[in-house]
C-alpha atoms as a PDB file:
ATOM      1  CA  MET A   1       8.179   8.842 -44.252  1.00  0.00           C
ATOM      2  CA  GLY A   2       6.134   6.147 -45.704  1.00  0.00           C
ATOM      3  CA  VAL A   3       8.143   3.956 -43.205  1.00  0.00           C
ATOM      4  CA  LEU A   4       6.880   5.546 -40.668  1.00  0.00           C
ATOM      5  CA  ASN A   5       3.521   6.013 -41.232  1.00  0.00           C
ATOM      6  CA  MET A   6       3.388   2.140 -41.867  1.00  0.00           C
ATOM      7  CA  GLU A   7       4.760   2.107 -37.714  1.00  0.00           C
ATOM      8  CA  LYS A   8       2.035   4.226 -37.007  1.00  0.00           C
ATOM      9  CA  LYS A   9      -0.921   1.972 -38.765  1.00  0.00           C
ATOM     10  CA  TRP A  10       0.040  -1.259 -36.768  1.00  0.00           C
ATOM     11  CA  VAL A  11       1.062  -0.013 -33.560  1.00  0.00           C
ATOM     12  CA  PHE A  12      -2.456   1.537 -32.493  1.00  0.00           C
ATOM     13  CA  PRO A  13      -3.940  -1.587 -32.876  1.00  0.00           C
ATOM     14  CA  LEU A  14      -1.287  -3.751 -31.170  1.00  0.00           C
ATOM     15  CA  VAL A  15      -2.065  -1.560 -27.845  1.00  0.00           C
ATOM     16  CA  ILE A  16      -5.566  -2.566 -28.416  1.00  0.00           C
ATOM     17  CA  SER A  17      -5.096  -5.786 -28.247  1.00  0.00           C
ATOM     18  CA  SER A  18      -2.297  -5.932 -25.715  1.00  0.00           C
ATOM     19  CA  LEU A  19      -5.170  -4.274 -23.600  1.00  0.00           C
ATOM     20  CA  VAL A  20      -7.863  -6.755 -24.203  1.00  0.00           C
ATOM     21  CA  CYS A  21      -5.708  -9.859 -23.668  1.00  0.00           C
ATOM     22  CA  ILE A  22      -4.514  -8.275 -20.218  1.00  0.00           C
ATOM     23  CA  PHE A  23      -8.007  -7.667 -19.820  1.00  0.00           C
ATOM     24  CA  LEU A  24      -9.470 -11.401 -20.515  1.00  0.00           C
ATOM     25  CA  LEU A  25      -6.678 -12.839 -18.478  1.00  0.00           C
ATOM     26  CA  ALA A  26      -7.668 -10.524 -15.293  1.00  0.00           C
ATOM     27  CA  THR A  27     -11.256 -11.739 -15.834  1.00  0.00           C
ATOM     28  CA  SER A  28     -10.503 -15.007 -16.432  1.00  0.00           C
ATOM     29  CA  PHE A  29      -7.977 -15.018 -12.800  1.00  0.00           C
ATOM     30  CA  ASN A  30     -10.983 -13.145 -11.250  1.00  0.00           C
ATOM     31  CA  VAL A  31     -13.623 -16.046 -12.271  1.00  0.00           C
ATOM     32  CA  GLY A  32     -11.393 -19.037 -11.575  1.00  0.00           C
ATOM     33  CA  LEU A  33     -10.457 -17.193  -7.651  1.00  0.00           C
ATOM     34  CA  VAL A  34     -13.895 -17.207  -7.081  1.00  0.00           C
ATOM     35  CA  SER A  35     -14.856 -20.447  -8.012  1.00  0.00           C
ATOM     36  CA  SER A  36     -11.759 -21.868  -5.940  1.00  0.00           C
ATOM     37  CA  LEU A  37     -12.686 -20.362  -2.844  1.00  0.00           C
ATOM     38  CA  HIS A  38     -16.420 -21.748  -2.989  1.00  0.00           C
ATOM     39  CA  THR A  39     -14.976 -25.215  -3.713  1.00  0.00           C
ATOM     40  CA  ILE A  40     -12.768 -24.817  -1.090  1.00  0.00           C
ATOM     41  CA  ASN A  41     -15.572 -23.127   1.453  1.00  0.00           C
ATOM     42  CA  ALA A  42     -17.620 -26.676   0.263  1.00  0.00           C
ATOM     43  CA  ILE A  43     -15.342 -28.872   1.284  1.00  0.00           C
ATOM     44  CA  PHE A  44     -15.117 -27.433   4.928  1.00  0.00           C
ATOM     45  CA  SER A  45     -18.285 -27.224   5.680  1.00  0.00           C
ATOM     46  CA  ILE A  46     -18.895 -31.111   5.748  1.00  0.00           C
ATOM     47  CA  PHE A  47     -16.656 -30.682   8.749  1.00  0.00           C
ATOM     48  CA  PRO A  48     -18.549 -29.741  11.879  1.00  0.00           C
ATOM     49  CA  ARG A  49     -17.511 -26.472  12.939  1.00  0.00           C
ATOM     50  CA  VAL A  50     -16.164 -25.467  16.609  1.00  0.00           C
ATOM     51  CA  SER A  51     -18.390 -23.111  17.962  1.00  0.00           C
ATOM     52  CA  THR A  52     -16.415 -20.128  20.219  1.00  0.00           C
ATOM     53  CA  ASN A  53     -18.122 -18.497  23.165  1.00  0.00           C
ATOM     54  CA  GLU A  54     -16.862 -14.934  22.833  1.00  0.00           C
ATOM     55  CA  THR A  55     -18.955 -13.833  25.601  1.00  0.00           C
ATOM     56  CA  SER A  56     -16.280 -15.921  27.925  1.00  0.00           C
ATOM     57  CA  PRO A  57     -12.590 -14.362  27.537  1.00  0.00           C
ATOM     58  CA  LEU A  58      -9.528 -16.589  27.964  1.00  0.00           C
ATOM     59  CA  PHE A  59      -7.568 -13.107  29.817  1.00  0.00           C
ATOM     60  CA  ALA A  60      -8.078 -11.423  32.676  1.00  0.00           C
ATOM     61  CA  GLU A  61      -7.768  -8.077  31.097  1.00  0.00           C
ATOM     62  CA  ALA A  62     -10.935  -8.523  28.874  1.00  0.00           C
ATOM     63  CA  LYS A  63     -12.901 -10.035  31.909  1.00  0.00           C
ATOM     64  CA  VAL A  64     -12.513  -6.332  33.572  1.00  0.00           C
ATOM     65  CA  LYS A  65     -13.632  -4.982  30.693  1.00  0.00           C
ATOM     66  CA  GLN A  66     -16.561  -6.633  30.860  1.00  0.00           C
ATOM     67  CA  ALA A  67     -16.919  -5.706  35.138  1.00  0.00           C
ATOM     68  CA  THR A  68     -20.364  -5.059  35.956  1.00  0.00           C
ATOM     69  CA  PRO A  69     -19.763  -0.659  35.697  1.00  0.00           C
ATOM     70  CA  PRO A  70     -20.737   1.301  38.551  1.00  0.00           C
ATOM     71  CA  PRO A  71     -24.029   2.518  39.810  1.00  0.00           C
ATOM     72  CA  PRO A  72     -25.629   5.656  38.797  1.00  0.00           C
ATOM     73  CA  GLY A  73     -24.431   8.708  40.627  1.00  0.00           C
ATOM     74  CA  SER A  74     -21.075   7.045  42.401  1.00  0.00           C
ATOM     75  CA  THR A  75     -19.011   7.034  39.324  1.00  0.00           C
ATOM     76  CA  VAL A  76     -16.083   8.726  41.751  1.00  0.00           C
ATOM     77  CA  PRO A  77     -14.900   5.907  43.958  1.00  0.00           C
ATOM     78  CA  ARG A  78     -13.453   6.488  47.733  1.00  0.00           C
ATOM     79  CA  PHE A  79     -11.107   4.524  49.432  1.00  0.00           C
ATOM     80  CA  ALA A  80     -10.287   3.860  53.110  1.00  0.00           C
ATOM     81  CA  TYR A  81      -6.550   3.764  54.321  1.00  0.00           C
ATOM     82  CA  LEU A  82      -5.056   1.981  57.140  1.00  0.00           C
ATOM     83  CA  VAL A  83      -1.477   3.679  57.426  1.00  0.00           C
ATOM     84  CA  SER A  84       0.477   2.279  60.171  1.00  0.00           C
ATOM     85  CA  GLY A  85       3.360   2.755  62.350  1.00  0.00           C
ATOM     86  CA  SER A  86       5.704   1.886  65.558  1.00  0.00           C
ATOM     87  CA  ARG A  87       8.870   3.613  67.327  1.00  0.00           C
ATOM     88  CA  GLY A  88      10.300   6.482  65.699  1.00  0.00           C
ATOM     89  CA  ASP A  89       7.646   6.521  62.629  1.00  0.00           C
ATOM     90  CA  LEU A  90       5.718   9.835  63.435  1.00  0.00           C
ATOM     91  CA  GLU A  91       7.191  12.130  60.955  1.00  0.00           C
ATOM     92  CA  LYS A  92       7.059   9.292  58.235  1.00  0.00           C
ATOM     93  CA  LEU A  93       3.282   8.621  58.619  1.00  0.00           C
ATOM     94  CA  TRP A  94       2.214  12.207  58.770  1.00  0.00           C
ATOM     95  CA  ARG A  95       4.453  12.449  55.222  1.00  0.00           C
ATOM     96  CA  THR A  96       2.690   9.340  54.043  1.00  0.00           C
ATOM     97  CA  LEU A  97      -1.207  10.604  55.221  1.00  0.00           C
ATOM     98  CA  ARG A  98      -0.505  14.372  54.115  1.00  0.00           C
ATOM     99  CA  THR A  99       0.142  12.957  50.902  1.00  0.00           C
ATOM    100  CA  LEU A 100      -2.313  10.069  50.532  1.00  0.00           C
ATOM    101  CA  TYR A 101      -4.879  12.606  51.375  1.00  0.00           C
ATOM    102  CA  HIS A 102      -8.310  13.289  49.807  1.00  0.00           C
ATOM    103  CA  PRO A 103     -11.509  15.010  50.947  1.00  0.00           C
ATOM    104  CA  LEU A 104     -13.477  11.798  49.700  1.00  0.00           C
ATOM    105  CA  ASN A 105     -11.754   9.075  51.196  1.00  0.00           C
ATOM    106  CA  GLN A 106     -11.619   7.760  55.064  1.00  0.00           C
ATOM    107  CA  TYR A 107      -8.357   6.972  56.955  1.00  0.00           C
ATOM    108  CA  VAL A 108      -7.331   5.536  59.836  1.00  0.00           C
ATOM    109  CA  ILE A 109      -3.887   5.997  61.809  1.00  0.00           C
ATOM    110  CA  HIS A 110      -2.209   3.844  63.934  1.00  0.00           C
ATOM    111  CA  LEU A 111       1.256   3.912  66.000  1.00  0.00           C
ATOM    112  CA  ASP A 112       1.718   0.754  67.987  1.00  0.00           C
ATOM    113  CA  LEU A 113       2.360   0.683  71.919  1.00  0.00           C
ATOM    114  CA  GLU A 114       5.954   0.086  70.981  1.00  0.00           C
ATOM    115  CA  ALA A 115       5.722   3.982  69.910  1.00  0.00           C
ATOM    116  CA  PRO A 116       5.952   6.278  73.004  1.00  0.00           C
ATOM    117  CA  ALA A 117       2.819   7.712  74.117  1.00  0.00           C
ATOM    118  CA  GLU A 118       4.468  11.098  73.593  1.00  0.00           C
ATOM    119  CA  GLU A 119       4.723  10.447  69.812  1.00  0.00           C
ATOM    120  CA  ARG A 120       1.269   9.171  69.913  1.00  0.00           C
ATOM    121  CA  LEU A 121       0.026  12.073  72.199  1.00  0.00           C
ATOM    122  CA  GLU A 122       1.849  14.687  69.498  1.00  0.00           C
ATOM    123  CA  LEU A 123      -0.403  12.407  66.098  1.00  0.00           C
ATOM    124  CA  ALA A 124      -3.592  12.859  68.087  1.00  0.00           C
ATOM    125  CA  SER A 125      -2.765  16.711  68.302  1.00  0.00           C
ATOM    126  CA  ARG A 126      -1.769  17.232  64.754  1.00  0.00           C
ATOM    127  CA  VAL A 127      -4.662  15.373  63.791  1.00  0.00           C
ATOM    128  CA  GLU A 128      -6.842  17.386  65.745  1.00  0.00           C
ATOM    129  CA  LYS A 129      -5.220  20.532  65.018  1.00  0.00           C
ATOM    130  CA  ASP A 130      -5.514  20.518  60.904  1.00  0.00           C
ATOM    131  CA  PRO A 131      -7.433  22.938  59.169  1.00  0.00           C
ATOM    132  CA  ILE A 132      -9.127  20.228  56.558  1.00  0.00           C
ATOM    133  CA  PHE A 133      -8.965  17.115  58.870  1.00  0.00           C
ATOM    134  CA  SER A 134     -10.876  19.056  61.630  1.00  0.00           C
ATOM    135  CA  LYS A 135     -13.366  20.217  58.768  1.00  0.00           C
ATOM    136  CA  VAL A 136     -14.020  17.159  56.631  1.00  0.00           C
ATOM    137  CA  GLY A 137     -13.746  14.758  59.675  1.00  0.00           C
ATOM    138  CA  ASN A 138     -12.224  11.898  57.875  1.00  0.00           C
ATOM    139  CA  VAL A 139      -9.335  11.230  59.956  1.00  0.00           C
ATOM    140  CA  HIS A 140     -10.101   8.921  62.863  1.00  0.00           C
ATOM    141  CA  MET A 141      -6.793   7.807  64.682  1.00  0.00           C
ATOM    142  CA  ILE A 142      -6.714   4.645  66.924  1.00  0.00           C
ATOM    143  CA  THR A 143      -5.912   6.073  70.357  1.00  0.00           C
ATOM    144  CA  LYS A 144      -6.030   2.650  72.331  1.00  0.00           C
ATOM    145  CA  ALA A 145      -2.480   1.060  70.568  1.00  0.00           C
ATOM    146  CA  ASN A 146      -2.138  -2.069  69.780  1.00  0.00           C
ATOM    147  CA  ILE A 147       0.781  -4.322  70.070  1.00  0.00           C
ATOM    148  CA  VAL A 148       1.669  -5.416  66.725  1.00  0.00           C
ATOM    149  CA  THR A 149       3.853  -8.251  65.736  1.00  0.00           C
ATOM    150  CA  TYR A 150       4.950  -8.278  62.160  1.00  0.00           C
ATOM    151  CA  ARG A 151       3.980 -11.779  60.073  1.00  0.00           C
ATOM    152  CA  GLY A 152       2.011 -12.691  63.102  1.00  0.00           C
ATOM    153  CA  PRO A 153      -1.582 -13.198  63.769  1.00  0.00           C
ATOM    154  CA  THR A 154      -1.422  -9.256  65.761  1.00  0.00           C
ATOM    155  CA  MET A 155      -0.619  -7.643  63.049  1.00  0.00           C
ATOM    156  CA  VAL A 156      -3.855  -8.976  60.921  1.00  0.00           C
ATOM    157  CA  ALA A 157      -5.822  -8.436  64.190  1.00  0.00           C
ATOM    158  CA  ASN A 158      -4.986  -4.982  64.064  1.00  0.00           C
ATOM    159  CA  THR A 159      -6.127  -4.969  60.486  1.00  0.00           C
ATOM    160  CA  LEU A 160      -9.600  -5.972  61.143  1.00  0.00           C
ATOM    161  CA  HIS A 161      -9.646  -3.425  64.102  1.00  0.00           C
ATOM    162  CA  ALA A 162      -9.098  -0.980  61.762  1.00  0.00           C
ATOM    163  CA  CYS A 163     -11.810  -1.788  59.369  1.00  0.00           C
ATOM    164  CA  ALA A 164     -14.146  -2.474  62.024  1.00  0.00           C
ATOM    165  CA  ILE A 165     -13.737   1.660  62.831  1.00  0.00           C
ATOM    166  CA  LEU A 166     -13.697   2.580  59.616  1.00  0.00           C
ATOM    167  CA  LEU A 167     -16.921   0.872  58.981  1.00  0.00           C
ATOM    168  CA  LYS A 168     -18.614   2.316  61.803  1.00  0.00           C
ATOM    169  CA  LYS A 169     -17.542   5.657  61.070  1.00  0.00           C
ATOM    170  CA  ASN A 170     -18.309   5.945  57.688  1.00  0.00           C
ATOM    171  CA  LYS A 171     -19.731   3.446  54.714  1.00  0.00           C
ATOM    172  CA  ASP A 172     -19.535   5.540  51.827  1.00  0.00           C
ATOM    173  CA  TRP A 173     -16.082   4.000  50.559  1.00  0.00           C
ATOM    174  CA  ASP A 174     -15.167   1.610  47.941  1.00  0.00           C
ATOM    175  CA  TRP A 175     -11.949  -0.214  49.045  1.00  0.00           C
ATOM    176  CA  PHE A 176      -9.555  -0.619  52.132  1.00  0.00           C
ATOM    177  CA  ILE A 177      -6.013  -0.135  51.270  1.00  0.00           C
ATOM    178  CA  ASN A 178      -3.408  -0.979  54.353  1.00  0.00           C
ATOM    179  CA  LEU A 179       0.001   0.832  54.354  1.00  0.00           C
ATOM    180  CA  SER A 180       2.834   1.221  56.504  1.00  0.00           C
ATOM    181  CA  ALA A 181       3.967   4.646  57.252  1.00  0.00           C
ATOM    182  CA  SER A 182       7.582   3.814  55.133  1.00  0.00           C
ATOM    183  CA  ASP A 183       5.217   3.652  51.863  1.00  0.00           C
ATOM    184  CA  TYR A 184       4.838   6.614  49.792  1.00  0.00           C
ATOM    185  CA  PRO A 185       2.682   6.876  46.424  1.00  0.00           C
ATOM    186  CA  LEU A 186       3.513   6.997  42.968  1.00  0.00           C
ATOM    187  CA  VAL A 187       0.567   8.403  41.810  1.00  0.00           C
ATOM    188  CA  THR A 188      -1.752  11.002  43.009  1.00  0.00           C
ATOM    189  CA  GLN A 189      -5.182  10.368  44.610  1.00  0.00           C
ATOM    190  CA  ASP A 190      -7.112  11.734  41.653  1.00  0.00           C
ATOM    191  CA  ASP A 191      -5.383   9.282  39.473  1.00  0.00           C
ATOM    192  CA  LEU A 192      -5.923   6.677  41.786  1.00  0.00           C
ATOM    193  CA  LEU A 193      -9.582   7.561  42.016  1.00  0.00           C
ATOM    194  CA  TYR A 194      -9.802   7.793  37.756  1.00  0.00           C
ATOM    195  CA  THR A 195      -8.088   4.925  37.868  1.00  0.00           C
ATOM    196  CA  PHE A 196     -10.555   2.985  39.642  1.00  0.00           C
ATOM    197  CA  SER A 197     -13.833   4.779  38.734  1.00  0.00           C
ATOM    198  CA  GLY A 198     -14.502   2.300  35.656  1.00  0.00           C
ATOM    199  CA  LEU A 199     -14.008  -1.514  37.775  1.00  0.00           C
ATOM    200  CA  ASP A 200     -16.724  -3.132  39.713  1.00  0.00           C
ATOM    201  CA  ARG A 201     -16.842  -2.101  43.253  1.00  0.00           C
ATOM    202  CA  ASN A 202     -16.825  -5.968  44.224  1.00  0.00           C
ATOM    203  CA  LEU A 203     -13.005  -6.756  42.673  1.00  0.00           C
ATOM    204  CA  ASN A 204     -10.406  -7.712  45.389  1.00  0.00           C
ATOM    205  CA  PHE A 205      -6.500  -6.859  44.955  1.00  0.00           C
ATOM    206  CA  VAL A 206      -4.537  -9.669  46.979  1.00  0.00           C
ATOM    207  CA  GLU A 207      -2.283 -12.408  46.744  1.00  0.00           C
ATOM    208  CA  HIS A 208      -4.049 -15.777  46.398  1.00  0.00           C
ATOM    209  CA  THR A 209      -3.177 -19.002  45.169  1.00  0.00           C
ATOM    210  CA  SER A 210      -3.051 -22.645  46.623  1.00  0.00           C
ATOM    211  CA  GLN A 211      -0.174 -23.090  45.403  1.00  0.00           C
ATOM    212  CA  LEU A 212       2.188 -23.158  48.414  1.00  0.00           C
ATOM    213  CA  GLY A 213       5.626 -23.810  47.667  1.00  0.00           C
ATOM    214  CA  TRP A 214       8.337 -23.299  49.943  1.00  0.00           C
ATOM    215  CA  LYS A 215       5.281 -21.632  52.188  1.00  0.00           C
ATOM    216  CA  GLU A 216       4.141 -25.123  52.752  1.00  0.00           C
ATOM    217  CA  GLY A 217       6.987 -26.633  55.119  1.00  0.00           C
ATOM    218  CA  GLN A 218       8.390 -22.943  56.555  1.00  0.00           C
ATOM    219  CA  ARG A 219       4.736 -21.292  57.488  1.00  0.00           C
ATOM    220  CA  ALA A 220       1.829 -23.720  57.437  1.00  0.00           C
ATOM    221  CA  MET A 221       3.362 -26.798  59.188  1.00  0.00           C
ATOM    222  CA  PRO A 222       5.416 -24.762  61.833  1.00  0.00           C
ATOM    223  CA  LEU A 223       3.722 -23.924  65.168  1.00  0.00           C
ATOM    224  CA  ILE A 224       4.212 -20.177  65.544  1.00  0.00           C
ATOM    225  CA  ILE A 225       3.721 -18.095  68.389  1.00  0.00           C
ATOM    226  CA  ASP A 226       2.881 -14.239  68.251  1.00  0.00           C
ATOM    227  CA  PRO A 227       4.250 -12.683  71.521  1.00  0.00           C
ATOM    228  CA  GLY A 228       2.119  -9.809  71.131  1.00  0.00           C
ATOM    229  CA  LEU A 229      -0.637 -12.094  71.982  1.00  0.00           C
ATOM    230  CA  TYR A 230      -0.239 -12.499  75.561  1.00  0.00           C
ATOM    231  CA  GLN A 231       2.391  -9.660  76.669  1.00  0.00           C
ATOM    232  CA  SER A 232       2.227  -5.870  75.886  1.00  0.00           C
ATOM    233  CA  THR A 233       5.974  -5.548  75.316  1.00  0.00           C
ATOM    234  CA  LYS A 234       6.563  -6.490  71.620  1.00  0.00           C
ATOM    235  CA  SER A 235       9.229  -9.242  70.127  1.00  0.00           C
ATOM    236  CA  ASP A 236       9.335 -11.185  67.330  1.00  0.00           C
ATOM    237  CA  ILE A 237       7.528 -14.804  66.327  1.00  0.00           C
ATOM    238  CA  PHE A 238       9.213 -17.390  67.540  1.00  0.00           C
ATOM    239  CA  TRP A 239       8.985 -21.498  66.078  1.00  0.00           C
ATOM    240  CA  VAL A 240       7.832 -23.890  68.794  1.00  0.00           C
ATOM    241  CA  THR A 241       8.160 -28.333  67.996  1.00  0.00           C
ATOM    242  CA  PRO A 242       6.624 -30.461  67.212  1.00  0.00           C
ATOM    243  CA  ARG A 243       5.802 -29.562  63.676  1.00  0.00           C
ATOM    244  CA  ARG A 244       2.428 -30.092  62.918  1.00  0.00           C
ATOM    245  CA  THR A 245       0.991 -31.603  59.741  1.00  0.00           C
ATOM    246  CA  LEU A 246      -1.002 -29.839  56.767  1.00  0.00           C
ATOM    247  CA  PRO A 247      -4.894 -29.831  57.460  1.00  0.00           C
ATOM    248  CA  THR A 248      -7.040 -31.820  56.256  1.00  0.00           C
ATOM    249  CA  ALA A 249     -10.591 -30.463  56.759  1.00  0.00           C
ATOM    250  CA  PHE A 250      -9.830 -27.086  54.449  1.00  0.00           C
ATOM    251  CA  LYS A 251      -7.470 -26.058  51.890  1.00  0.00           C
ATOM    252  CA  LEU A 252      -4.912 -23.568  52.420  1.00  0.00           C
ATOM    253  CA  PHE A 253      -4.448 -20.846  50.376  1.00  0.00           C
ATOM    254  CA  THR A 254      -1.582 -17.594  50.332  1.00  0.00           C
ATOM    255  CA  GLY A 255      -2.387 -14.219  51.499  1.00  0.00           C
ATOM    256  CA  SER A 256      -0.983 -10.649  51.648  1.00  0.00           C
ATOM    257  CA  ALA A 257       0.278  -8.459  54.188  1.00  0.00           C
ATOM    258  CA  TRP A 258      -0.471  -5.726  51.610  1.00  0.00           C
ATOM    259  CA  MET A 259      -3.869  -5.558  49.565  1.00  0.00           C
ATOM    260  CA  ILE A 260      -6.886  -3.654  47.865  1.00  0.00           C
ATOM    261  CA  LEU A 261     -10.275  -4.708  49.176  1.00  0.00           C
ATOM    262  CA  SER A 262     -13.578  -4.184  48.328  1.00  0.00           C
ATOM    263  CA  ARG A 263     -16.189  -3.298  51.262  1.00  0.00           C
ATOM    264  CA  SER A 264     -18.700  -5.875  51.046  1.00  0.00           C
ATOM    265  CA  PHE A 265     -15.397  -8.344  51.359  1.00  0.00           C
ATOM    266  CA  VAL A 266     -14.393  -6.492  54.604  1.00  0.00           C
ATOM    267  CA  GLU A 267     -17.389  -6.442  56.143  1.00  0.00           C
ATOM    268  CA  TYR A 268     -17.888 -10.039  55.578  1.00  0.00           C
ATOM    269  CA  SER A 269     -14.514 -10.085  56.816  1.00  0.00           C
ATOM    270  CA  CYS A 270     -15.464  -8.260  59.813  1.00  0.00           C
ATOM    271  CA  THR A 271     -18.832  -9.588  60.508  1.00  0.00           C
ATOM    272  CA  THR A 272     -17.651 -13.619  60.452  1.00  0.00           C
ATOM    273  CA  LEU A 273     -13.888 -13.196  62.185  1.00  0.00           C
ATOM    274  CA  LEU A 274     -15.020 -10.548  64.710  1.00  0.00           C
ATOM    275  CA  GLY A 275     -18.512 -12.285  65.389  1.00  0.00           C
ATOM    276  CA  THR A 276     -20.143  -8.973  65.443  1.00  0.00           C
ATOM    277  CA  SER A 277     -21.595  -6.375  62.762  1.00  0.00           C
ATOM    278  CA  PRO A 278     -19.926  -2.970  62.595  1.00  0.00           C
ATOM    279  CA  ARG A 279     -23.113  -1.831  60.973  1.00  0.00           C
ATOM    280  CA  ASN A 280     -25.377  -2.460  63.636  1.00  0.00           C
ATOM    281  CA  SER A 281     -23.007  -2.296  66.960  1.00  0.00           C
ATOM    282  CA  THR A 282     -22.734   0.767  69.025  1.00  0.00           C
ATOM    283  CA  HIS A 283     -19.124  -0.602  70.407  1.00  0.00           C
ATOM    284  CA  THR A 284     -15.820  -1.116  67.840  1.00  0.00           C
ATOM    285  CA  PRO A 285     -13.994  -4.336  69.258  1.00  0.00           C
ATOM    286  CA  SER A 286     -10.453  -4.715  69.326  1.00  0.00           C
ATOM    287  CA  PRO A 287      -9.416  -8.524  68.224  1.00  0.00           C
ATOM    288  CA  LEU A 288      -6.436  -7.875  70.836  1.00  0.00           C
ATOM    289  CA  MET A 289      -8.516  -6.787  73.481  1.00  0.00           C
ATOM    290  CA  THR A 290      -8.345 -10.577  74.908  1.00  0.00           C
ATOM    291  CA  ARG A 291      -4.355 -10.118  75.365  1.00  0.00           C
ATOM    292  CA  ALA A 292      -2.986 -10.156  79.008  1.00  0.00           C
ATOM    293  CA  LYS A 293      -2.539  -6.869  80.869  1.00  0.00           C
END
């Protein structure tokens, strides 16, 4: 019993001494760490600091987040579509139009001159008899069909023609999208409208680069003839000789056949390339009106 009492007497002081030592050790470590940090900061303070401009993000995603918000009262965007097809595309074009349809949007549909007259008349009849289309009045058909050659200038001209019609019929839309009858949307129009609701209305989505690569020798230098410019039957483009050199007065950029363009860009393109403003014009000219009959 005496031995146990003696052990109890020195255990308590030992525990207290250990706690005091641990406390002093931790305190000295913290003080030394803080003083070390102050010393390191003092050393690096003699070097000039490189200022970072946080208002100029390096990534496009950050710039999109900082884009100008849409004006009040127009948070829901509107799209203007061109859906075009050719011979045998009547049912596919009608399917795409029905899937894309939304009362807030505008639509121009076009079956080119290669499609039989019966198909074009049937398409016009369906649009006219559809109760929703006729009530809302936002589906317009190009009744005077154009010859459209894939990869040719007539394809660009037909797109500009549709843009001019859309600007003349109704200017209450934000983006233009061109599609073919073979396209089929993977998202609903409500989802698409919601996705674009927070974007700047001046954004354009198009392939655009001056790095031509293989296109320099196969697209820019050869002379290409589009038969749709001078004949009423459809045929593919063809190349002629001699080859030309690249222009020096301006720089070439690539584009894309399928894109999403802002209304301001579409207005600029129509005014510049067609030579008339669809807003002030009572007649919507076709860029193909000079085609030989």
